[in-house]
Every structure is written in structure tokens, then in C-alpha cells.
Amino acid sequence: MEDVLFESETERDRAAIADYLSTVAESLRAGESITLRAGGNDLDLSVPDRATFEVKAEREGDELSVEFEIEWHESDGDSGDLRIE
């Protein structure tokens, strides 16, 4: 069973999306924790040194999407910190 801990969907221009993804990349590279914030909800996550990275492109009717997912088991430890604020 999936338990959604945080979710946010907003329309942004391409430059703002690139800035957000750059922040994620910089934080991953630095080994910092992620803090996701939206609508008064906060979630801190630490990505371990090794994790599964999935990229998926989909088409649903005339809508295209690309998804980036980083997945790990909580038991993998707290070997890296990622922060987005």
C-alpha cells in the first residue's frame, strides 16, 4: 500500500522548472537533506549514497510528461542529506 507523504503540482515556466531541478541536483551533489514545502506541509528526506533512479516519459492522449523518481529503502540508512527549500 502506498502512503503519499507529500504532493505538489503547479504550473511553472521552463526556467523555473530548470531552477528547481538544479536545486535538487546541487543538494544531491552536496549530500544535503531535502525539505519539501508547499501549502503549510513540510517533509524532510535524506537520500542515501546509493538509490534507484528512474526516468519515465509518458503520453496520455495529447498530454506528454516526464517523471524523475529517486527510490530507496528506509533501512538503507541515512548516508546522505538532500535539501530543497
PDB file of N, CA and C in Angstrom:
ATOM      1  N   MET A   1       0.838  -1.178   0.000  1.00  0.00           N
ATOM      2  CA  MET A   1       0.000   0.000   0.000  1.00  0.00           C
ATOM      3  C   MET A   1       0.886   1.245   0.000  1.00  0.00           C
ATOM      4  N   GLU A   2       0.580   2.184  -0.867  1.00  0.00           N
ATOM      5  CA  GLU A   2       1.346   3.418  -0.972  1.00  0.00           C
ATOM      6  C   GLU A   2       0.772   4.473  -0.043  1.00  0.00           C
ATOM      7  N   ASP A   3       1.633   5.144   0.673  1.00  0.00           N
ATOM      8  CA  ASP A   3       1.249   6.225   1.573  1.00  0.00           C
ATOM      9  C   ASP A   3       1.895   7.504   1.049  1.00  0.00           C
ATOM     10  N   VAL A   4       1.111   8.405   0.459  1.00  0.00           N
ATOM     11  CA  VAL A   4       1.645   9.643  -0.100  1.00  0.00           C
ATOM     12  C   VAL A   4       1.994  10.581   1.055  1.00  0.00           C
ATOM     13  N   LEU A   5       3.277  10.894   1.186  1.00  0.00           N
ATOM     14  CA  LEU A   5       3.757  11.750   2.266  1.00  0.00           C
ATOM     15  C   LEU A   5       3.730  13.225   1.891  1.00  0.00           C
ATOM     16  N   PHE A   6       3.860  13.516   0.592  1.00  0.00           N
ATOM     17  CA  PHE A   6       3.898  14.896   0.110  1.00  0.00           C
ATOM     18  C   PHE A   6       3.546  14.881  -1.367  1.00  0.00           C
ATOM     19  N   GLU A   7       2.802  15.882  -1.802  1.00  0.00           N
ATOM     20  CA  GLU A   7       2.490  16.009  -3.223  1.00  0.00           C
ATOM     21  C   GLU A   7       2.249  17.471  -3.537  1.00  0.00           C
ATOM     22  N   SER A   8       2.793  17.917  -4.655  1.00  0.00           N
ATOM     23  CA  SER A   8       2.599  19.290  -5.101  1.00  0.00           C
ATOM     24  C   SER A   8       2.605  19.299  -6.622  1.00  0.00           C
ATOM     25  N   GLU A   9       1.673  20.007  -7.212  1.00  0.00           N
ATOM     26  CA  GLU A   9       1.619  20.135  -8.665  1.00  0.00           C
ATOM     27  C   GLU A   9       1.260  21.572  -8.987  1.00  0.00           C
ATOM     28  N   THR A  10       2.174  22.277  -9.650  1.00  0.00           N
ATOM     29  CA  THR A  10       1.941  23.665 -10.032  1.00  0.00           C
ATOM     30  C   THR A  10       2.436  23.882 -11.458  1.00  0.00           C
ATOM     31  N   GLU A  11       1.816  24.809 -12.149  1.00  0.00           N
ATOM     32  CA  GLU A  11       2.286  25.169 -13.482  1.00  0.00           C
ATOM     33  C   GLU A  11       3.361  26.240 -13.330  1.00  0.00           C
ATOM     34  N   ARG A  12       4.516  26.019 -13.957  1.00  0.00           N
ATOM     35  CA  ARG A  12       5.641  26.952 -13.895  1.00  0.00           C
ATOM     36  C   ARG A  12       6.234  27.088 -15.289  1.00  0.00           C
ATOM     37  N   ASP A  13       6.963  28.183 -15.517  1.00  0.00           N
ATOM     38  CA  ASP A  13       7.642  28.298 -16.805  1.00  0.00           C
ATOM     39  C   ASP A  13       8.891  27.418 -16.807  1.00  0.00           C
ATOM     40  N   ARG A  14       9.405  27.172 -17.992  1.00  0.00           N
ATOM     41  CA  ARG A  14      10.527  26.249 -18.158  1.00  0.00           C
ATOM     42  C   ARG A  14      11.738  26.658 -17.316  1.00  0.00           C
ATOM     43  N   ALA A  15      12.042  27.952 -17.234  1.00  0.00           N
ATOM     44  CA  ALA A  15      13.191  28.420 -16.449  1.00  0.00           C
ATOM     45  C   ALA A  15      13.015  28.113 -14.963  1.00  0.00           C
ATOM     46  N   ALA A  16      11.807  28.277 -14.439  1.00  0.00           N
ATOM     47  CA  ALA A  16      11.545  27.988 -13.025  1.00  0.00           C
ATOM     48  C   ALA A  16      11.686  26.492 -12.743  1.00  0.00           C
ATOM     49  N   ILE A  17      11.242  25.663 -13.682  1.00  0.00           N
ATOM     50  CA  ILE A  17      11.394  24.214 -13.525  1.00  0.00           C
ATOM     51  C   ILE A  17      12.878  23.851 -13.523  1.00  0.00           C
ATOM     52  N   ALA A  18      13.643  24.451 -14.440  1.00  0.00           N
ATOM     53  CA  ALA A  18      15.085  24.192 -14.501  1.00  0.00           C
ATOM     54  C   ALA A  18      15.770  24.619 -13.208  1.00  0.00           C
ATOM     55  N   ASP A  19      15.371  25.763 -12.648  1.00  0.00           N
ATOM     56  CA  ASP A  19      15.941  26.224 -11.374  1.00  0.00           C
ATOM     57  C   ASP A  19      15.658  25.220 -10.263  1.00  0.00           C
ATOM     58  N   TYR A  20      14.443  24.714 -10.207  1.00  0.00           N
ATOM     59  CA  TYR A  20      14.062  23.743  -9.179  1.00  0.00           C
ATOM     60  C   TYR A  20      14.896  22.464  -9.308  1.00  0.00           C
ATOM     61  N   LEU A  21      15.002  21.957 -10.544  1.00  0.00           N
ATOM     62  CA  LEU A  21      15.785  20.742 -10.771  1.00  0.00           C
ATOM     63  C   LEU A  21      17.264  20.967 -10.462  1.00  0.00           C
ATOM     64  N   SER A  22      17.777  22.161 -10.754  1.00  0.00           N
ATOM     65  CA  SER A  22      19.166  22.493 -10.415  1.00  0.00           C
ATOM     66  C   SER A  22      19.382  22.480  -8.914  1.00  0.00           C
ATOM     67  N   THR A  23      18.411  22.992  -8.169  1.00  0.00           N
ATOM     68  CA  THR A  23      18.495  22.974  -6.709  1.00  0.00           C
ATOM     69  C   THR A  23      18.547  21.541  -6.197  1.00  0.00           C
ATOM     70  N   VAL A  24      17.723  20.684  -6.773  1.00  0.00           N
ATOM     71  CA  VAL A  24      17.737  19.266  -6.396  1.00  0.00           C
ATOM     72  C   VAL A  24      19.112  18.670  -6.692  1.00  0.00           C
ATOM     73  N   ALA A  25      19.638  18.918  -7.889  1.00  0.00           N
ATOM     74  CA  ALA A  25      20.934  18.359  -8.284  1.00  0.00           C
ATOM     75  C   ALA A  25      22.051  18.858  -7.370  1.00  0.00           C
ATOM     76  N   GLU A  26      22.070  20.143  -7.070  1.00  0.00           N
ATOM     77  CA  GLU A  26      23.097  20.706  -6.192  1.00  0.00           C
ATOM     78  C   GLU A  26      23.023  20.091  -4.798  1.00  0.00           C
ATOM     79  N   SER A  27      21.826  19.919  -4.287  1.00  0.00           N
ATOM     80  CA  SER A  27      21.657  19.332  -2.956  1.00  0.00           C
ATOM     81  C   SER A  27      22.096  17.873  -2.939  1.00  0.00           C
ATOM     82  N   LEU A  28      21.739  17.121  -3.981  1.00  0.00           N
ATOM     83  CA  LEU A  28      22.179  15.726  -4.078  1.00  0.00           C
ATOM     84  C   LEU A  28      23.703  15.650  -4.095  1.00  0.00           C
ATOM     85  N   ARG A  29      24.308  16.490  -4.921  1.00  0.00           N
ATOM     86  CA  ARG A  29      25.761  16.500  -5.055  1.00  0.00           C
ATOM     87  C   ARG A  29      26.441  16.825  -3.726  1.00  0.00           C
ATOM     88  N   ALA A  30      25.840  17.721  -2.948  1.00  0.00           N
ATOM     89  CA  ALA A  30      26.408  18.145  -1.662  1.00  0.00           C
ATOM     90  C   ALA A  30      26.080  17.172  -0.529  1.00  0.00           C
ATOM     91  N   GLY A  31      25.192  16.210  -0.777  1.00  0.00           N
ATOM     92  CA  GLY A  31      24.810  15.256   0.264  1.00  0.00           C
ATOM     93  C   GLY A  31      23.932  15.867   1.334  1.00  0.00           C
ATOM     94  N   GLU A  32      23.156  16.871   0.973  1.00  0.00           N
ATOM     95  CA  GLU A  32      22.272  17.550   1.927  1.00  0.00           C
ATOM     96  C   GLU A  32      20.868  16.949   1.894  1.00  0.00           C
ATOM     97  N   SER A  33      20.105  17.160   2.969  1.00  0.00           N
ATOM     98  CA  SER A  33      18.741  16.620   3.031  1.00  0.00           C
ATOM     99  C   SER A  33      17.781  17.496   2.231  1.00  0.00           C
ATOM    100  N   ILE A  34      16.687  16.895   1.794  1.00  0.00           N
ATOM    101  CA  ILE A  34      15.617  17.603   1.085  1.00  0.00           C
ATOM    102  C   ILE A  34      14.584  18.048   2.111  1.00  0.00           C
ATOM    103  N   THR A  35      14.167  19.291   2.023  1.00  0.00           N
ATOM    104  CA  THR A  35      12.983  19.737   2.748  1.00  0.00           C
ATOM    105  C   THR A  35      11.980  20.178   1.697  1.00  0.00           C
ATOM    106  N   LEU A  36      10.903  19.426   1.555  1.00  0.00           N
ATOM    107  CA  LEU A  36       9.839  19.765   0.611  1.00  0.00           C
ATOM    108  C   LEU A  36       8.805  20.586   1.356  1.00  0.00           C
ATOM    109  N   ARG A  37       8.404  21.719   0.782  1.00  0.00           N
ATOM    110  CA  ARG A  37       7.424  22.592   1.427  1.00  0.00           C
ATOM    111  C   ARG A  37       6.392  23.063   0.412  1.00  0.00           C
ATOM    112  N   ALA A  38       5.121  22.968   0.800  1.00  0.00           N
ATOM    113  CA  ALA A  38       4.022  23.501  -0.014  1.00  0.00           C
ATOM    114  C   ALA A  38       2.766  23.526   0.833  1.00  0.00           C
ATOM    115  N   GLY A  39       2.046  24.624   0.784  1.00  0.00           N
ATOM    116  CA  GLY A  39       0.760  24.719   1.464  1.00  0.00           C
ATOM    117  C   GLY A  39       0.805  24.416   2.947  1.00  0.00           C
ATOM    118  N   GLY A  40       1.873  24.797   3.615  1.00  0.00           N
ATOM    119  CA  GLY A  40       1.973  24.546   5.047  1.00  0.00           C
ATOM    120  C   GLY A  40       2.438  23.148   5.403  1.00  0.00           C
ATOM    121  N   ASN A  41       2.678  22.301   4.404  1.00  0.00           N
ATOM    122  CA  ASN A  41       3.188  20.947   4.641  1.00  0.00           C
ATOM    123  C   ASN A  41       4.699  20.928   4.422  1.00  0.00           C
ATOM    124  N   ASP A  42       5.432  20.314   5.339  1.00  0.00           N
ATOM    125  CA  ASP A  42       6.884  20.162   5.238  1.00  0.00           C
ATOM    126  C   ASP A  42       7.236  18.685   5.330  1.00  0.00           C
ATOM    127  N   LEU A  43       8.237  18.274   4.571  1.00  0.00           N
ATOM    128  CA  LEU A  43       8.737  16.905   4.652  1.00  0.00           C
ATOM    129  C   LEU A  43      10.243  16.930   4.444  1.00  0.00           C
ATOM    130  N   ASP A  44      10.991  16.376   5.398  1.00  0.00           N
ATOM    131  CA  ASP A  44      12.445  16.256   5.290  1.00  0.00           C
ATOM    132  C   ASP A  44      12.792  14.839   4.863  1.00  0.00           C
ATOM    133  N   LEU A  45      13.652  14.723   3.856  1.00  0.00           N
ATOM    134  CA  LEU A  45      14.095  13.421   3.362  1.00  0.00           C
ATOM    135  C   LEU A  45      15.612  13.411   3.225  1.00  0.00           C
ATOM    136  N   SER A  46      16.216  12.293   3.548  1.00  0.00           N
ATOM    137  CA  SER A  46      17.651  12.095   3.336  1.00  0.00           C
ATOM    138  C   SER A  46      17.830  10.971   2.331  1.00  0.00           C
ATOM    139  N   VAL A  47      18.525  11.264   1.241  1.00  0.00           N
ATOM    140  CA  VAL A  47      18.773  10.271   0.202  1.00  0.00           C
ATOM    141  C   VAL A  47      20.117   9.606   0.507  1.00  0.00           C
ATOM    142  N   PRO A  48      20.157   8.277   0.559  1.00  0.00           N
ATOM    143  CA  PRO A  48      21.425   7.596   0.832  1.00  0.00           C
ATOM    144  C   PRO A  48      22.400   7.758  -0.337  1.00  0.00           C
ATOM    145  N   ASP A  49      23.634   7.343  -0.121  1.00  0.00           N
ATOM    146  CA  ASP A  49      24.663   7.457  -1.162  1.00  0.00           C
ATOM    147  C   ASP A  49      24.294   6.704  -2.435  1.00  0.00           C
ATOM    148  N   ARG A  50      23.553   5.610  -2.311  1.00  0.00           N
ATOM    149  CA  ARG A  50      23.107   4.846  -3.472  1.00  0.00           C
ATOM    150  C   ARG A  50      21.599   4.690  -3.411  1.00  0.00           C
ATOM    151  N   ALA A  51      20.942   4.950  -4.536  1.00  0.00           N
ATOM    152  CA  ALA A  51      19.488   4.837  -4.626  1.00  0.00           C
ATOM    153  C   ALA A  51      19.139   4.470  -6.065  1.00  0.00           C
ATOM    154  N   THR A  52      17.925   4.022  -6.278  1.00  0.00           N
ATOM    155  CA  THR A  52      17.438   3.716  -7.623  1.00  0.00           C
ATOM    156  C   THR A  52      16.891   4.996  -8.237  1.00  0.00           C
ATOM    157  N   PHE A  53      17.314   5.293  -9.473  1.00  0.00           N
ATOM    158  CA  PHE A  53      16.867   6.492 -10.185  1.00  0.00           C
ATOM    159  C   PHE A  53      16.111   6.051 -11.430  1.00  0.00           C
ATOM    160  N   GLU A  54      14.875   6.493 -11.555  1.00  0.00           N
ATOM    161  CA  GLU A  54      14.018   6.109 -12.683  1.00  0.00           C
ATOM    162  C   GLU A  54      13.602   7.359 -13.446  1.00  0.00           C
ATOM    163  N   VAL A  55      13.676   7.276 -14.765  1.00  0.00           N
ATOM    164  CA  VAL A  55      13.174   8.332 -15.643  1.00  0.00           C
ATOM    165  C   VAL A  55      12.127   7.689 -16.538  1.00  0.00           C
ATOM    166  N   LYS A  56      10.958   8.323 -16.618  1.00  0.00           N
ATOM    167  CA  LYS A  56       9.863   7.769 -17.410  1.00  0.00           C
ATOM    168  C   LYS A  56       9.215   8.895 -18.215  1.00  0.00           C
ATOM    169  N   ALA A  57       9.013   8.648 -19.515  1.00  0.00           N
ATOM    170  CA  ALA A  57       8.276   9.575 -20.372  1.00  0.00           C
ATOM    171  C   ALA A  57       6.986   8.883 -20.780  1.00  0.00           C
ATOM    172  N   GLU A  58       5.874   9.616 -20.697  1.00  0.00           N
ATOM    173  CA  GLU A  58       4.563   9.032 -20.990  1.00  0.00           C
ATOM    174  C   GLU A  58       3.746   9.955 -21.894  1.00  0.00           C
ATOM    175  N   ARG A  59       2.811   9.340 -22.586  1.00  0.00           N
ATOM    176  CA  ARG A  59       1.820  10.084 -23.366  1.00  0.00           C
ATOM    177  C   ARG A  59       0.448   9.598 -22.927  1.00  0.00           C
ATOM    178  N   GLU A  60      -0.425  10.539 -22.599  1.00  0.00           N
ATOM    179  CA  GLU A  60      -1.816  10.226 -22.272  1.00  0.00           C
ATOM    180  C   GLU A  60      -2.680  11.147 -23.121  1.00  0.00           C
ATOM    181  N   GLY A  61      -3.207  10.598 -24.213  1.00  0.00           N
ATOM    182  CA  GLY A  61      -3.936  11.431 -25.163  1.00  0.00           C
ATOM    183  C   GLY A  61      -2.960  12.402 -25.806  1.00  0.00           C
ATOM    184  N   ASP A  62      -3.257  13.704 -25.713  1.00  0.00           N
ATOM    185  CA  ASP A  62      -2.356  14.708 -26.280  1.00  0.00           C
ATOM    186  C   ASP A  62      -1.428  15.325 -25.223  1.00  0.00           C
ATOM    187  N   GLU A  63      -1.390  14.731 -24.029  1.00  0.00           N
ATOM    188  CA  GLU A  63      -0.542  15.243 -22.943  1.00  0.00           C
ATOM    189  C   GLU A  63       0.713  14.383 -22.806  1.00  0.00           C
ATOM    190  N   LEU A  64       1.869  15.037 -22.794  1.00  0.00           N
ATOM    191  CA  LEU A  64       3.143  14.355 -22.587  1.00  0.00           C
ATOM    192  C   LEU A  64       3.670  14.694 -21.204  1.00  0.00           C
ATOM    193  N   SER A  65       4.407  13.757 -20.611  1.00  0.00           N
ATOM    194  CA  SER A  65       5.007  14.028 -19.306  1.00  0.00           C
ATOM    195  C   SER A  65       6.332  13.293 -19.187  1.00  0.00           C
ATOM    196  N   VAL A  66       7.188  13.817 -18.327  1.00  0.00           N
ATOM    197  CA  VAL A  66       8.420  13.137 -17.957  1.00  0.00           C
ATOM    198  C   VAL A  66       8.477  13.132 -16.434  1.00  0.00           C
ATOM    199  N   GLU A  67       8.803  11.976 -15.874  1.00  0.00           N
ATOM    200  CA  GLU A  67       8.852  11.822 -14.418  1.00  0.00           C
ATOM    201  C   GLU A  67      10.252  11.386 -14.008  1.00  0.00           C
ATOM    202  N   PHE A  68      10.754  11.977 -12.933  1.00  0.00           N
ATOM    203  CA  PHE A  68      12.032  11.600 -12.345  1.00  0.00           C
ATOM    204  C   PHE A  68      11.743  11.076 -10.947  1.00  0.00           C
ATOM    205  N   GLU A  69      12.240   9.888 -10.636  1.00  0.00           N
ATOM    206  CA  GLU A  69      11.965   9.285  -9.330  1.00  0.00           C
ATOM    207  C   GLU A  69      13.257   8.755  -8.724  1.00  0.00           C
ATOM    208  N   ILE A  70      13.473   9.074  -7.462  1.00  0.00           N
ATOM    209  CA  ILE A  70      14.586   8.533  -6.687  1.00  0.00           C
ATOM    210  C   ILE A  70      13.958   7.658  -5.618  1.00  0.00           C
ATOM    211  N   GLU A  71      14.382   6.405  -5.554  1.00  0.00           N
ATOM    212  CA  GLU A  71      13.744   5.453  -4.634  1.00  0.00           C
ATOM    213  C   GLU A  71      14.802   4.722  -3.823  1.00  0.00           C
ATOM    214  N   TRP A  72      14.512   4.528  -2.530  1.00  0.00           N
ATOM    215  CA  TRP A  72      15.401   3.784  -1.644  1.00  0.00           C
ATOM    216  C   TRP A  72      14.588   3.218  -0.503  1.00  0.00           C
ATOM    217  N   HIS A  73      15.166   2.265   0.199  1.00  0.00           N
ATOM    218  CA  HIS A  73      14.518   1.676   1.369  1.00  0.00           C
ATOM    219  C   HIS A  73      14.960   2.441   2.609  1.00  0.00           C
ATOM    220  N   GLU A  74      14.033   2.669   3.516  1.00  0.00           N
ATOM    221  CA  GLU A  74      14.379   3.370   4.754  1.00  0.00           C
ATOM    222  C   GLU A  74      15.509   2.669   5.490  1.00  0.00           C
ATOM    223  N   SER A  75      15.604   1.378   5.356  1.00  0.00           N
ATOM    224  CA  SER A  75      16.654   0.614   6.033  1.00  0.00           C
ATOM    225  C   SER A  75      18.030   0.825   5.400  1.00  0.00           C
ATOM    226  N   ASP A  76      18.085   1.546   4.248  1.00  0.00           N
ATOM    227  CA  ASP A  76      19.368   1.805   3.589  1.00  0.00           C
ATOM    228  C   ASP A  76      20.227   2.781   4.378  1.00  0.00           C
ATOM    229  N   GLY A  77      19.693   3.364   5.411  1.00  0.00           N
ATOM    230  CA  GLY A  77      20.466   4.264   6.258  1.00  0.00           C
ATOM    231  C   GLY A  77      20.352   5.707   5.830  1.00  0.00           C
ATOM    232  N   ASP A  78      21.004   6.536   6.588  1.00  0.00           N
ATOM    233  CA  ASP A  78      20.955   7.977   6.400  1.00  0.00           C
ATOM    234  C   ASP A  78      22.336   8.457   5.978  1.00  0.00           C
ATOM    235  N   SER A  79      22.800   7.968   4.806  1.00  0.00           N
ATOM    236  CA  SER A  79      24.173   8.234   4.417  1.00  0.00           C
ATOM    237  C   SER A  79      24.350   9.499   3.592  1.00  0.00           C
ATOM    238  N   GLY A  80      23.265  10.200   3.259  1.00  0.00           N
ATOM    239  CA  GLY A  80      23.394  11.442   2.524  1.00  0.00           C
ATOM    240  C   GLY A  80      22.209  12.332   2.799  1.00  0.00           C
ATOM    241  N   ASP A  81      22.428  13.635   2.797  1.00  0.00           N
ATOM    242  CA  ASP A  81      21.356  14.584   3.067  1.00  0.00           C
ATOM    243  C   ASP A  81      21.068  15.385   1.816  1.00  0.00           C
ATOM    244  N   LEU A  82      19.789  15.633   1.523  1.00  0.00           N
ATOM    245  CA  LEU A  82      19.355  16.415   0.376  1.00  0.00           C
ATOM    246  C   LEU A  82      18.360  17.436   0.863  1.00  0.00           C
ATOM    247  N   ARG A  83      18.497  18.694   0.459  1.00  0.00           N
ATOM    248  CA  ARG A  83      17.627  19.743   0.972  1.00  0.00           C
ATOM    249  C   ARG A  83      17.112  20.611  -0.170  1.00  0.00           C
ATOM    250  N   ILE A  84      15.799  20.794  -0.216  1.00  0.00           N
ATOM    251  CA  ILE A  84      15.165  21.726  -1.143  1.00  0.00           C
ATOM    252  C   ILE A  84      14.277  22.605  -0.299  1.00  0.00           C
ATOM    253  N   GLU A  85      14.487  23.877  -0.373  1.00  0.00           N
ATOM    254  CA  GLU A  85      13.663  24.795   0.432  1.00  0.00           C
ATOM    255  C   GLU A  85      13.109  25.888  -0.436  1.00  0.00           C
TER     256      GLU A  85
END
